[in-house]
N, C-alpha and C. Protein backbone atom coordinates (compact mmCIF):
# COMPACT_ATOMS: atom_id res chain seq x y z
N MET A 1 69.83 121.14 30.48
CA MET A 1 69.28 119.95 30.85
C MET A 1 69.97 119.37 31.24
N THR A 2 68.92 117.99 32.32
CA THR A 2 69.46 117.46 33.83
C THR A 2 69.23 115.96 32.69
N THR A 3 70.20 115.28 32.68
CA THR A 3 69.79 113.63 32.88
C THR A 3 70.32 112.26 33.75
N THR A 4 68.85 111.73 33.71
CA THR A 4 69.78 110.73 34.57
C THR A 4 70.36 109.03 34.35
N TRP A 5 71.27 108.51 33.82
CA TRP A 5 71.26 107.36 33.76
C TRP A 5 71.20 106.10 34.80
N LYS A 6 70.69 104.58 34.60
CA LYS A 6 70.90 103.96 35.27
C LYS A 6 72.26 103.36 34.86
N ILE A 7 73.03 102.84 35.69
CA ILE A 7 73.86 102.23 35.31
C ILE A 7 74.19 100.32 35.82
N THR A 8 74.70 99.72 34.34
CA THR A 8 74.07 98.72 34.22
C THR A 8 76.12 97.77 33.75
N VAL A 9 76.55 97.00 34.67
CA VAL A 9 77.73 96.72 33.65
C VAL A 9 78.09 95.36 33.50
N LYS A 10 78.69 94.81 32.81
CA LYS A 10 78.96 93.13 32.94
C LYS A 10 80.35 92.51 33.02
N ASP A 11 80.36 92.13 34.65
CA ASP A 11 81.37 91.24 34.54
C ASP A 11 82.04 90.41 33.63
N PRO A 12 83.31 91.06 33.64
CA PRO A 12 84.56 89.92 32.03
C PRO A 12 84.41 89.14 33.18
N GLU A 13 84.07 88.40 33.76
CA GLU A 13 84.93 87.36 34.02
C GLU A 13 83.38 85.73 34.59
N SER A 14 82.58 86.77 34.71
CA SER A 14 81.61 86.13 35.11
C SER A 14 79.36 86.08 33.69
N GLY A 15 80.45 87.08 33.60
CA GLY A 15 79.61 87.45 32.46
C GLY A 15 78.47 88.37 32.68
N ALA A 16 77.99 88.24 34.50
CA ALA A 16 76.54 88.07 34.21
C ALA A 16 75.92 89.42 34.90
N TRP A 17 75.25 90.33 33.92
CA TRP A 17 74.78 92.41 34.24
C TRP A 17 74.37 92.08 35.80
N ILE A 18 75.72 93.15 35.61
CA ILE A 18 75.59 94.03 37.42
C ILE A 18 74.54 94.90 37.67
N ASP A 19 73.63 95.44 38.46
CA ASP A 19 72.90 96.93 37.97
C ASP A 19 73.74 97.44 39.51
N THR A 20 74.91 99.10 39.47
CA THR A 20 75.37 99.53 39.89
C THR A 20 74.24 99.80 41.20
N GLY A 21 73.17 99.95 40.70
CA GLY A 21 72.56 100.90 42.31
C GLY A 21 72.50 101.65 42.34
N THR A 22 72.83 103.03 41.93
CA THR A 22 73.16 103.78 42.14
C THR A 22 72.93 105.27 40.29
N PRO A 23 72.17 105.53 40.74
CA PRO A 23 72.35 105.92 38.95
C PRO A 23 73.69 107.63 39.02
N LEU A 24 73.20 107.51 37.64
CA LEU A 24 74.02 108.97 37.42
C LEU A 24 74.07 109.83 37.12
N THR A 25 73.76 111.45 36.98
CA THR A 25 72.92 112.11 36.32
C THR A 25 74.10 113.17 35.67
N THR A 26 74.01 114.13 34.77
CA THR A 26 74.78 114.49 34.16
C THR A 26 74.46 116.20 33.97
N THR A 27 74.55 117.35 34.01
CA THR A 27 73.47 118.33 33.80
C THR A 27 75.14 118.78 33.17
N GLU A 28 73.75 120.06 31.64
CA GLU A 28 74.83 120.49 30.59
C GLU A 28 73.73 122.00 31.15
N THR A 29 75.08 122.70 30.67
CA THR A 29 74.52 124.35 31.05
C THR A 29 74.85 125.25 29.38
N THR A 30 76.33 124.69 29.51
CA THR A 30 76.86 125.44 28.65
C THR A 30 75.49 126.86 27.43
N ARG A 31 74.95 125.84 26.77
CA ARG A 31 73.79 126.48 26.17
C ARG A 31 72.37 126.39 26.38
N THR A 32 71.30 126.49 25.40
CA THR A 32 69.43 125.72 25.89
C THR A 32 69.76 126.15 23.70
N PHE A 33 68.00 124.95 24.24
CA PHE A 33 68.46 125.01 22.10
C PHE A 33 66.72 124.42 22.76
N ASP A 34 65.95 124.70 21.84
CA ASP A 34 64.11 123.95 21.33
C ASP A 34 64.40 123.06 21.51
N PHE A 35 63.18 121.82 21.96
CA PHE A 35 62.67 120.78 22.18
C PHE A 35 61.49 121.08 20.48
N VAL A 36 61.86 119.94 19.34
CA VAL A 36 60.99 119.94 18.80
C VAL A 36 60.42 118.33 18.44
N THR A 37 59.08 118.02 17.49
CA THR A 37 58.37 116.94 17.66
C THR A 37 59.19 116.15 16.85
N PRO A 38 60.22 114.06 17.43
CA PRO A 38 61.17 113.91 17.01
C PRO A 38 59.22 112.80 16.03
N THR A 39 61.01 112.10 14.76
CA THR A 39 60.49 111.64 14.06
C THR A 39 61.07 110.03 14.23
N THR A 40 60.25 109.47 14.32
CA THR A 40 61.07 108.11 14.73
C THR A 40 61.56 106.85 13.18
N TYR A 41 62.15 107.04 13.80
CA TYR A 41 62.83 105.51 11.78
C TYR A 41 62.84 104.56 12.31
N LEU A 42 61.66 103.57 11.33
CA LEU A 42 62.40 101.64 11.49
C LEU A 42 64.10 101.88 10.84
N VAL A 43 64.47 101.08 11.27
CA VAL A 43 65.95 100.57 10.74
C VAL A 43 66.38 99.65 11.92
N ASN A 44 64.83 98.34 12.02
CA ASN A 44 65.76 97.24 10.95
C ASN A 44 65.36 96.28 10.28
N PRO A 45 66.11 95.75 8.99
CA PRO A 45 66.19 96.17 7.61
C PRO A 45 65.16 94.84 7.25
N ALA A 46 64.65 93.25 9.00
CA ALA A 46 64.37 93.02 9.46
C ALA A 46 62.62 92.65 8.11
N TYR A 47 62.22 94.48 8.95
CA TYR A 47 61.31 95.04 8.29
C TYR A 47 61.23 95.95 7.08
N GLY A 48 62.14 95.65 6.44
CA GLY A 48 61.44 96.61 5.07
C GLY A 48 61.13 96.55 3.86
N ASP A 49 61.40 97.06 2.97
CA ASP A 49 60.32 96.91 1.75
C ASP A 49 60.31 95.40 1.32
N SER A 50 59.26 94.69 1.33
CA SER A 50 58.77 93.31 0.70
C SER A 50 57.91 93.47 -0.62
């Protein structure tokens, strides 16, 4: 599996967010796995049971 990441860092002095412009790519080759249907969950407590 290959994943490409957008890199954004925060300047500690100005507080500005900086997009590096160059994506980071990582590759996993140690084992295979099956993709399954994802299940989503609402985790924001503001939208919980009323």
